[in-house]
Structure formats: structure tokens, C-alpha cells
C-alpha atoms as a PDB file:
ATOM      1  CA  MET A   1      66.394 -14.311  -8.960  1.00  0.00           C
ATOM      2  CA  ASN A   2      65.606 -14.661  -5.250  1.00  0.00           C
ATOM      3  CA  PHE A   3      64.669 -10.970  -5.152  1.00  0.00           C
ATOM      4  CA  PHE A   4      62.225 -11.594  -7.969  1.00  0.00           C
ATOM      5  CA  TYR A   5      60.486 -14.382  -6.071  1.00  0.00           C
ATOM      6  CA  VAL A   6      60.253 -12.273  -2.887  1.00  0.00           C
ATOM      7  CA  MET A   7      58.636  -9.426  -4.794  1.00  0.00           C
ATOM      8  CA  ASN A   8      56.284 -11.830  -6.543  1.00  0.00           C
ATOM      9  CA  ALA A   9      55.131 -13.296  -3.233  1.00  0.00           C
ATOM     10  CA  LYS A  10      54.487  -9.819  -1.851  1.00  0.00           C
ATOM     11  CA  SER A  11      52.527  -8.924  -4.975  1.00  0.00           C
ATOM     12  CA  ILE A  12      50.382 -12.032  -4.628  1.00  0.00           C
ATOM     13  CA  LYS A  13      49.710 -11.215  -0.973  1.00  0.00           C
ATOM     14  CA  THR A  14      48.764  -7.631  -1.892  1.00  0.00           C
ATOM     15  CA  VAL A  15      46.434  -8.780  -4.654  1.00  0.00           C
ATOM     16  CA  PHE A  16      44.845 -11.317  -2.287  1.00  0.00           C
ATOM     17  CA  VAL A  17      44.168  -8.615   0.319  1.00  0.00           C
ATOM     18  CA  ILE A  18      42.692  -6.306  -2.334  1.00  0.00           C
ATOM     19  CA  VAL A  19      40.424  -9.089  -3.652  1.00  0.00           C
ATOM     20  CA  ILE A  20      39.190  -9.944  -0.148  1.00  0.00           C
ATOM     21  CA  ALA A  21      38.552  -6.267   0.624  1.00  0.00           C
ATOM     22  CA  ALA A  22      36.703  -5.810  -2.668  1.00  0.00           C
ATOM     23  CA  PHE A  23      34.588  -8.899  -1.930  1.00  0.00           C
ATOM     24  CA  PHE A  24      33.480  -7.643   1.481  1.00  0.00           C
ATOM     25  CA  THR A  25      32.820  -4.160   0.100  1.00  0.00           C
ATOM     26  CA  ALA A  26      30.655  -5.589  -2.663  1.00  0.00           C
ATOM     27  CA  TRP A  27      28.872  -7.826  -0.137  1.00  0.00           C
ATOM     28  CA  PHE A  28      28.163  -4.825   2.108  1.00  0.00           C
ATOM     29  CA  PHE A  29      26.600  -2.790  -0.708  1.00  0.00           C
ATOM     30  CA  TYR A  30      24.668  -5.821  -1.916  1.00  0.00           C
ATOM     31  CA  MET A  31      23.124  -6.367   1.515  1.00  0.00           C
ATOM     32  CA  GLU A  32      22.395  -2.646   1.867  1.00  0.00           C
ATOM     33  CA  ASN A  33      20.514  -2.652  -1.436  1.00  0.00           C
ATOM     34  CA  MET A  34      18.650  -5.834  -0.494  1.00  0.00           C
ATOM     35  CA  VAL A  35      17.300  -4.110   2.625  1.00  0.00           C
ATOM     36  CA  GLN A  36      15.987  -1.248   0.520  1.00  0.00           C
ATOM     37  CA  LEU A  37      13.994  -3.435  -1.881  1.00  0.00           C
ATOM     38  CA  PRO A  38      10.198  -3.058  -1.787  1.00  0.00           C
ATOM     39  CA  ALA A  39       8.652  -5.412   0.777  1.00  0.00           C
ATOM     40  CA  PHE A  40       5.452  -7.231  -0.030  1.00  0.00           C
ATOM     41  CA  SER A  41       5.651 -10.736   1.448  1.00  0.00           C
ATOM     42  CA  ALA A  42       7.776 -13.143   3.404  1.00  0.00           C
ATOM     43  CA  LYS A  43       8.893 -16.235   1.520  1.00  0.00           C
ATOM     44  CA  ASP A  44       6.531 -19.100   2.345  1.00  0.00           C
ATOM     45  CA  GLY A  45       4.840 -16.776   4.832  1.00  0.00           C
ATOM     46  CA  PRO A  46       1.983 -14.242   4.922  1.00  0.00           C
ATOM     47  CA  LYS A  47       1.595 -12.107   1.817  1.00  0.00           C
ATOM     48  CA  ALA A  48       0.523  -8.581   0.950  1.00  0.00           C
ATOM     49  CA  ILE A  49      -1.687  -8.151  -2.088  1.00  0.00           C
ATOM     50  CA  TYR A  50      -0.585  -5.458  -4.518  1.00  0.00           C
ATOM     51  CA  LYS A  51      -1.887  -6.525  -7.917  1.00  0.00           C
ATOM     52  CA  GLY A  52      -4.293  -8.837  -9.722  1.00  0.00           C
ATOM     53  CA  GLU A  53      -4.433 -10.251 -13.238  1.00  0.00           C
ATOM     54  CA  LYS A  54      -7.749  -8.840 -14.410  1.00  0.00           C
ATOM     55  CA  ASP A  55     -10.261  -6.131 -13.519  1.00  0.00           C
ATOM     56  CA  LEU A  56      -9.274  -3.040 -11.518  1.00  0.00           C
ATOM     57  CA  ALA A  57      -9.622  -2.086  -7.856  1.00  0.00           C
ATOM     58  CA  LEU A  58     -10.017   1.624  -7.061  1.00  0.00           C
ATOM     59  CA  THR A  59      -8.966   2.367  -3.485  1.00  0.00           C
ATOM     60  CA  PHE A  60      -8.985   5.470  -1.291  1.00  0.00           C
ATOM     61  CA  ASN A  61      -6.999   6.154   1.872  1.00  0.00           C
ATOM     62  CA  ILE A  62      -8.458   8.426   4.563  1.00  0.00           C
ATOM     63  CA  GLY A  63      -6.267   9.112   7.570  1.00  0.00           C
ATOM     64  CA  TRP A  64      -7.394  12.567   8.645  1.00  0.00           C
ATOM     65  CA  GLY A  65      -9.406  15.636   7.699  1.00  0.00           C
ATOM     66  CA  ASP A  66     -12.993  16.877   7.715  1.00  0.00           C
ATOM     67  CA  GLU A  67     -13.645  18.327   4.262  1.00  0.00           C
ATOM     68  CA  LYS A  68     -12.636  16.171   1.294  1.00  0.00           C
ATOM     69  CA  ALA A  69     -14.240  12.784   1.920  1.00  0.00           C
ATOM     70  CA  GLU A  70     -17.851  13.874   1.425  1.00  0.00           C
ATOM     71  CA  PRO A  71     -17.308  15.589  -1.968  1.00  0.00           C
ATOM     72  CA  ILE A  72     -15.532  12.457  -3.190  1.00  0.00           C
ATOM     73  CA  LEU A  73     -18.460  10.317  -2.052  1.00  0.00           C
ATOM     74  CA  ASP A  74     -20.767  12.684  -3.922  1.00  0.00           C
ATOM     75  CA  VAL A  75     -18.755  12.245  -7.128  1.00  0.00           C
ATOM     76  CA  LEU A  76     -18.689   8.458  -6.778  1.00  0.00           C
ATOM     77  CA  LYS A  77     -22.467   8.426  -6.332  1.00  0.00           C
ATOM     78  CA  LYS A  78     -23.078  10.788  -9.240  1.00  0.00           C
ATOM     79  CA  GLU A  79     -20.798   8.779 -11.515  1.00  0.00           C
ATOM     80  CA  LYS A  80     -22.285   5.480 -10.318  1.00  0.00           C
ATOM     81  CA  ALA A  81     -18.778   4.211  -9.734  1.00  0.00           C
ATOM     82  CA  GLY A  82     -19.886   0.992  -8.089  1.00  0.00           C
ATOM     83  CA  ALA A  83     -17.154  -1.139  -6.522  1.00  0.00           C
ATOM     84  CA  VAL A  84     -14.711   0.957  -4.486  1.00  0.00           C
ATOM     85  CA  THR A  85     -12.617   0.116  -1.418  1.00  0.00           C
ATOM     86  CA  PHE A  86     -11.959   2.708   1.308  1.00  0.00           C
ATOM     87  CA  PHE A  87      -9.126   2.232   3.778  1.00  0.00           C
ATOM     88  CA  LEU A  88      -9.958   4.272   6.890  1.00  0.00           C
ATOM     89  CA  SER A  89      -7.939   5.001   9.985  1.00  0.00           C
ATOM     90  CA  GLY A  90      -9.779   4.110  13.164  1.00  0.00           C
ATOM     91  CA  SER A  91      -9.292   7.582  14.612  1.00  0.00           C
ATOM     92  CA  TRP A  92     -10.850   9.219  11.522  1.00  0.00           C
ATOM     93  CA  ALA A  93     -13.753   6.766  11.527  1.00  0.00           C
ATOM     94  CA  GLU A  94     -14.518   7.538  15.168  1.00  0.00           C
ATOM     95  CA  ARG A  95     -14.776  11.239  14.370  1.00  0.00           C
ATOM     96  CA  HIS A  96     -16.904  10.722  11.230  1.00  0.00           C
ATOM     97  CA  PRO A  97     -19.446   7.961  11.975  1.00  0.00           C
ATOM     98  CA  ASP A  98     -21.994   9.478   9.566  1.00  0.00           C
ATOM     99  CA  LEU A  99     -19.583   9.259   6.621  1.00  0.00           C
ATOM    100  CA  VAL A 100     -18.582   5.710   7.551  1.00  0.00           C
ATOM    101  CA  ASN A 101     -22.257   4.767   7.721  1.00  0.00           C
ATOM    102  CA  ARG A 102     -22.827   6.367   4.313  1.00  0.00           C
ATOM    103  CA  MET A 103     -19.980   4.359   2.784  1.00  0.00           C
ATOM    104  CA  VAL A 104     -21.471   1.144   4.109  1.00  0.00           C
ATOM    105  CA  LYS A 105     -24.999   2.027   2.940  1.00  0.00           C
ATOM    106  CA  GLU A 106     -23.789   2.958  -0.536  1.00  0.00           C
ATOM    107  CA  GLY A 107     -22.096  -0.403  -0.859  1.00  0.00           C
ATOM    108  CA  TYR A 108     -18.415   0.507  -0.622  1.00  0.00           C
ATOM    109  CA  GLU A 109     -15.939  -1.891   0.914  1.00  0.00           C
ATOM    110  CA  ILE A 110     -14.196  -0.826   4.129  1.00  0.00           C
ATOM    111  CA  GLY A 111     -10.625  -1.743   5.009  1.00  0.00           C
ATOM    112  CA  MET A 112      -8.529  -0.552   7.944  1.00  0.00           C
ATOM    113  CA  LEU A 113      -5.673   1.959   7.771  1.00  0.00           C
ATOM    114  CA  GLY A 114      -4.581   1.261  11.319  1.00  0.00           C
ATOM    115  CA  TYR A 115      -5.706   3.600  14.079  1.00  0.00           C
ATOM    116  CA  GLU A 116      -3.115   6.379  14.132  1.00  0.00           C
ATOM    117  CA  TYR A 117      -1.141   7.535  11.103  1.00  0.00           C
ATOM    118  CA  LYS A 118       2.212   6.019  12.099  1.00  0.00           C
ATOM    119  CA  ASP A 119       4.898   4.216  10.120  1.00  0.00           C
ATOM    120  CA  TYR A 120       4.726   0.574  11.179  1.00  0.00           C
ATOM    121  CA  THR A 121       8.380   0.012  10.283  1.00  0.00           C
ATOM    122  CA  ASP A 122       9.300   2.488  13.043  1.00  0.00           C
ATOM    123  CA  LEU A 123       7.199   0.771  15.709  1.00  0.00           C
ATOM    124  CA  GLU A 124       7.894  -2.181  17.973  1.00  0.00           C
ATOM    125  CA  GLU A 125       5.827  -5.282  17.284  1.00  0.00           C
ATOM    126  CA  ASP A 126       3.617  -4.801  20.339  1.00  0.00           C
ATOM    127  CA  LYS A 127       2.798  -1.248  19.274  1.00  0.00           C
ATOM    128  CA  ILE A 128       1.869  -2.403  15.755  1.00  0.00           C
ATOM    129  CA  ARG A 129      -0.419  -5.032  17.241  1.00  0.00           C
ATOM    130  CA  ARG A 130      -2.037  -2.548  19.638  1.00  0.00           C
ATOM    131  CA  ASP A 131      -2.622  -0.020  16.854  1.00  0.00           C
ATOM    132  CA  ILE A 132      -4.406  -2.637  14.738  1.00  0.00           C
ATOM    133  CA  LEU A 133      -6.474  -3.851  17.683  1.00  0.00           C
ATOM    134  CA  LYS A 134      -7.439  -0.292  18.596  1.00  0.00           C
ATOM    135  CA  ALA A 135      -8.652   0.289  15.044  1.00  0.00           C
ATOM    136  CA  GLN A 136     -10.508  -3.017  15.142  1.00  0.00           C
ATOM    137  CA  GLU A 137     -12.334  -1.948  18.300  1.00  0.00           C
ATOM    138  CA  ALA A 138     -13.217   1.436  16.805  1.00  0.00           C
ATOM    139  CA  PHE A 139     -14.898  -0.176  13.802  1.00  0.00           C
ATOM    140  CA  LYS A 140     -16.748  -2.672  15.989  1.00  0.00           C
ATOM    141  CA  LYS A 141     -18.250   0.224  17.935  1.00  0.00           C
ATOM    142  CA  LEU A 142     -19.390   1.714  14.598  1.00  0.00           C
ATOM    143  CA  ASN A 143     -21.003  -1.612  13.755  1.00  0.00           C
ATOM    144  CA  VAL A 144     -18.732  -2.126  10.746  1.00  0.00           C
ATOM    145  CA  LYS A 145     -18.274  -5.869  10.739  1.00  0.00           C
ATOM    146  CA  ASN A 146     -16.182  -8.457   8.961  1.00  0.00           C
ATOM    147  CA  ILE A 147     -13.273  -6.199   7.999  1.00  0.00           C
ATOM    148  CA  GLU A 148     -10.532  -8.429   6.615  1.00  0.00           C
ATOM    149  CA  LEU A 149      -8.283  -5.946   4.801  1.00  0.00           C
ATOM    150  CA  LEU A 150      -5.487  -3.862   6.296  1.00  0.00           C
ATOM    151  CA  ARG A 151      -3.292  -1.252   4.655  1.00  0.00           C
ATOM    152  CA  ALA A 152      -0.221   0.042   6.478  1.00  0.00           C
ATOM    153  CA  PRO A 153      -0.940   3.707   7.398  1.00  0.00           C
ATOM    154  CA  THR A 154       2.048   5.171   5.548  1.00  0.00           C
ATOM    155  CA  GLY A 155       2.327   2.335   3.031  1.00  0.00           C
ATOM    156  CA  HIS A 156       5.523   1.109   4.727  1.00  0.00           C
ATOM    157  CA  PHE A 157       5.616  -2.350   6.274  1.00  0.00           C
ATOM    158  CA  ASP A 158       7.844  -5.356   6.786  1.00  0.00           C
ATOM    159  CA  GLN A 159       7.643  -9.041   7.677  1.00  0.00           C
ATOM    160  CA  ARG A 160       6.617  -8.202  11.236  1.00  0.00           C
ATOM    161  CA  THR A 161       3.532  -6.335  10.028  1.00  0.00           C
ATOM    162  CA  LEU A 162       2.591  -9.180   7.697  1.00  0.00           C
ATOM    163  CA  LYS A 163       2.867 -11.791  10.448  1.00  0.00           C
ATOM    164  CA  ILE A 164       0.986  -9.714  13.032  1.00  0.00           C
ATOM    165  CA  ALA A 165      -1.774  -8.951  10.544  1.00  0.00           C
ATOM    166  CA  GLU A 166      -2.111 -12.617   9.631  1.00  0.00           C
ATOM    167  CA  ARG A 167      -2.352 -13.655  13.281  1.00  0.00           C
ATOM    168  CA  LEU A 168      -5.125 -11.102  13.764  1.00  0.00           C
ATOM    169  CA  GLY A 169      -6.976 -12.318  10.670  1.00  0.00           C
ATOM    170  CA  TYR A 170      -6.151  -9.530   8.205  1.00  0.00           C
ATOM    171  CA  THR A 171      -4.732  -9.475   4.685  1.00  0.00           C
ATOM    172  CA  VAL A 172      -2.317  -6.599   4.031  1.00  0.00           C
ATOM    173  CA  VAL A 173      -3.122  -4.676   0.853  1.00  0.00           C
ATOM    174  CA  HIS A 174      -0.698  -2.402  -0.981  1.00  0.00           C
ATOM    175  CA  TRP A 175      -1.153  -0.908  -4.465  1.00  0.00           C
ATOM    176  CA  SER A 176       0.391  -1.190  -7.914  1.00  0.00           C
ATOM    177  CA  LEU A 177      -0.338   2.337  -9.164  1.00  0.00           C
ATOM    178  CA  ASP A 178      -0.253   5.609  -7.203  1.00  0.00           C
ATOM    179  CA  THR A 179      -2.042   8.596  -8.765  1.00  0.00           C
ATOM    180  CA  LYS A 180      -0.010  10.882  -6.453  1.00  0.00           C
ATOM    181  CA  ASP A 181      -3.130  12.975  -5.944  1.00  0.00           C
ATOM    182  CA  TRP A 182      -1.930  13.849  -2.445  1.00  0.00           C
ATOM    183  CA  THR A 183       0.832  16.008  -3.985  1.00  0.00           C
ATOM    184  CA  ASN A 184      -1.848  18.207  -5.637  1.00  0.00           C
ATOM    185  CA  PRO A 185      -0.085  18.376  -9.029  1.00  0.00           C
ATOM    186  CA  GLY A 186      -3.260  19.505 -10.823  1.00  0.00           C
ATOM    187  CA  THR A 187      -6.355  17.596 -11.887  1.00  0.00           C
ATOM    188  CA  GLU A 188      -4.986  16.874 -15.362  1.00  0.00           C
ATOM    189  CA  VAL A 189      -1.780  15.396 -13.950  1.00  0.00           C
ATOM    190  CA  ILE A 190      -3.724  13.203 -11.519  1.00  0.00           C
ATOM    191  CA  ALA A 191      -5.914  11.987 -14.373  1.00  0.00           C
ATOM    192  CA  GLU A 192      -2.831  11.420 -16.556  1.00  0.00           C
ATOM    193  CA  ASN A 193      -1.187   9.356 -13.799  1.00  0.00           C
ATOM    194  CA  ALA A 194      -4.334   7.240 -13.610  1.00  0.00           C
ATOM    195  CA  THR A 195      -4.317   6.577 -17.370  1.00  0.00           C
ATOM    196  CA  LYS A 196      -1.454   4.155 -16.739  1.00  0.00           C
ATOM    197  CA  ALA A 197      -3.988   1.844 -15.083  1.00  0.00           C
ATOM    198  CA  LYS A 198      -4.427  -1.527 -16.734  1.00  0.00           C
ATOM    199  CA  LYS A 199      -6.127  -4.764 -15.865  1.00  0.00           C
ATOM    200  CA  GLY A 200      -5.059  -6.146 -12.518  1.00  0.00           C
ATOM    201  CA  ASP A 201      -4.029  -2.816 -11.005  1.00  0.00           C
ATOM    202  CA  ILE A 202      -4.896  -1.676  -7.512  1.00  0.00           C
ATOM    203  CA  LEU A 203      -5.184   2.089  -7.935  1.00  0.00           C
ATOM    204  CA  LEU A 204      -4.377   4.379  -5.007  1.00  0.00           C
ATOM    205  CA  MET A 205      -6.162   7.674  -4.407  1.00  0.00           C
ATOM    206  CA  HIS A 206      -6.796   9.726  -1.268  1.00  0.00           C
ATOM    207  CA  ALA A 207      -9.772  11.362   0.399  1.00  0.00           C
ATOM    208  CA  SER A 208      -7.924  13.021   3.277  1.00  0.00           C
ATOM    209  CA  ASP A 209      -7.860  16.809   3.356  1.00  0.00           C
ATOM    210  CA  SER A 210      -4.345  16.871   1.882  1.00  0.00           C
ATOM    211  CA  ALA A 211      -5.840  15.665  -1.428  1.00  0.00           C
ATOM    212  CA  LYS A 212      -7.351  18.965  -2.507  1.00  0.00           C
ATOM    213  CA  GLN A 213      -7.814  18.129  -6.221  1.00  0.00           C
ATOM    214  CA  THR A 214      -8.991  14.522  -6.080  1.00  0.00           C
ATOM    215  CA  ALA A 215     -12.737  15.188  -6.247  1.00  0.00           C
ATOM    216  CA  GLU A 216     -12.287  17.310  -9.374  1.00  0.00           C
ATOM    217  CA  ALA A 217      -9.970  14.774 -11.030  1.00  0.00           C
ATOM    218  CA  LEU A 218     -12.106  11.746 -10.160  1.00  0.00           C
ATOM    219  CA  PRO A 219     -14.634  12.039 -13.052  1.00  0.00           C
ATOM    220  CA  LEU A 220     -11.714  12.070 -15.514  1.00  0.00           C
ATOM    221  CA  VAL A 221     -10.189   9.014 -13.844  1.00  0.00           C
ATOM    222  CA  LEU A 222     -13.466   7.102 -13.973  1.00  0.00           C
ATOM    223  CA  LYS A 223     -14.012   8.100 -17.602  1.00  0.00           C
ATOM    224  CA  ASP A 224     -10.618   6.684 -18.560  1.00  0.00           C
ATOM    225  CA  ILE A 225     -11.274   3.428 -16.697  1.00  0.00           C
ATOM    226  CA  ARG A 226     -14.568   2.996 -18.542  1.00  0.00           C
ATOM    227  CA  SER A 227     -12.991   3.826 -21.902  1.00  0.00           C
ATOM    228  CA  LYS A 228     -10.684   0.842 -21.428  1.00  0.00           C
ATOM    229  CA  ASN A 229     -13.608  -1.422 -20.553  1.00  0.00           C
ATOM    230  CA  LEU A 230     -11.992  -2.235 -17.233  1.00  0.00           C
ATOM    231  CA  LYS A 231     -14.381  -3.781 -14.731  1.00  0.00           C
ATOM    232  CA  MET A 232     -14.090  -2.183 -11.299  1.00  0.00           C
ATOM    233  CA  VAL A 233     -14.077  -4.627  -8.382  1.00  0.00           C
ATOM    234  CA  THR A 234     -13.412  -4.369  -4.674  1.00  0.00           C
ATOM    235  CA  VAL A 235     -10.088  -5.609  -3.357  1.00  0.00           C
ATOM    236  CA  SER A 236     -11.879  -8.533  -1.684  1.00  0.00           C
ATOM    237  CA  GLU A 237     -13.437  -9.481  -5.022  1.00  0.00           C
ATOM    238  CA  MET A 238     -10.007  -9.344  -6.661  1.00  0.00           C
ATOM    239  CA  ILE A 239      -8.647 -11.672  -3.976  1.00  0.00           C
ATOM    240  CA  ALA A 240     -11.662 -13.990  -4.175  1.00  0.00           C
ATOM    241  CA  ASN A 241     -11.188 -14.286  -7.922  1.00  0.00           C
ATOM    242  CA  GLY A 242      -7.861 -15.921  -7.149  1.00  0.00           C
ATOM    243  CA  ASP A 243      -5.869 -13.641  -9.437  1.00  0.00           C
ATOM    244  CA  SER A 244      -4.041 -11.459  -6.933  1.00  0.00           C
ATOM    245  CA  LYS A 245      -0.236 -11.189  -6.861  1.00  0.00           C
ATOM    246  CA  SER A 246       2.390 -10.653  -4.192  1.00  0.00           C
ATOM    247  CA  ALA A 247       6.138 -10.105  -4.231  1.00  0.00           C
ATOM    248  CA  GLU A 248       8.795 -11.551  -1.947  1.00  0.00           C
ATOM    249  CA  ILE A 249      10.111  -9.490   0.946  1.00  0.00           C
ATOM    250  CA  LYS A 250      13.859  -9.429   1.570  1.00  0.00           C
END
């Protein structure tokens, strides 16, 4: 009988150790997955806009290149697209002042895409701040005033970026739907990706030279938007309407 109780005690101890080990293993994987969740805002802190409740915001990123931006501007003008928001890197804007001036004259909204095309999550806070300030100075020299929107150059950001941007007076803008035009999957695929757009979406497209099929796909994208009777607005208009959404960062 004593032998039975000794074995039972050992079994309980073994089970206890296994349970504790399993708990810490589960906790480790839980925390690892939490870190990998999409980051849009800090709880009770600065927020990144990624979606609204009505209308649609068409946005373009331009980080580099010399050839694709102008044809896209030509299509937008021909199609009378109206409200569009361009996020430009400061370095690209410095090299293409005529195109920046054309965007402003044709009534498109300008947001910043930082200065250099670097992943903000890989940079120290001071370097993030300096990159934003360098872009800010570049646009001031081009006489582009009152920029209030910032998009992280690679689309990756964290709480540090949100807080730095807020201190500098910028709202971080992400997107809810990516057309993946930069992968050059074919004009029909780009247009098909865009057909998923619905009211409240912030649609991402590109006008850098890597997006070789965007200009050709753009008329199809605009046609689909109009067929759904979606009103196109700038990102600032979406924010001003008070219907923008954010998600909590972990």
C-alpha cells in the first residue's frame, strides 16, 4: 500500500511538471503570435487610419522611378477621376518637381511616404523622426504646404512610428485593400483585385516604376468603382467625415 502512495505522489509531481511546461509553452507561442498581429494603433494612443464607413479613397504610392507616374496622371485626367491621394517619398518629389506641381494643380491630395524607402520597424526612433523631418523639408522647398498625412514607406510600422508621427503633426494612413499591382500579375488580375472594393475602403495602388501595368489597368478599376456608385474622396475627406476606422496595435 505504501508503494502505491509513493508512486501516486511521483505521478502527481510528473503531471504537475508537464502542466507547468505546457502552460509556459502555450504562453510563449501566444506572445509570439501577438507580436505578429497587424499593427494599426496603440490603445488609447495615436491611431493609423486604414478604413472608413462610406465612400472610397483611391491612393497611390510613389517611392522611386521616372517613367510610370506621368502616364498614370494622364489616365486620371482623361477619366476625370477627381479625388485621389498620392503618397510621395521626399527623395522622389525632389527629383520630380514638375510632376509634384502637376498633382497639386490638378487637385490631387499629397501625403508623405517618408524620405527614403526604408522599413520604419527596422530603424531607431531618432532615424524615423529624421526621415520624416527630411521629407517635410523637401516638400516645403517644393511649396507643397499643409501636408498632414503620412504613410510608412514599406507599409510596416509600430507604436513608435505612430507616436513620432503624432508629435510631428501627422496622421498615419494604411489601407484596407491592396490591388497588388506592384507584382505585375496582369491588368485583368489587378482590376479583379480592385473589384473587391466596397464603401469605406482605402484602395492601394502604385505609380513607381515597378508597377508596369497600373496605367493600363486603371481605367478598368475606375469603371468598376463607378459601376458600384461609390463616391471617391481623398483620405483627408474620409477622416473629416468622421467615419474612419483604426485597429489596436499589440
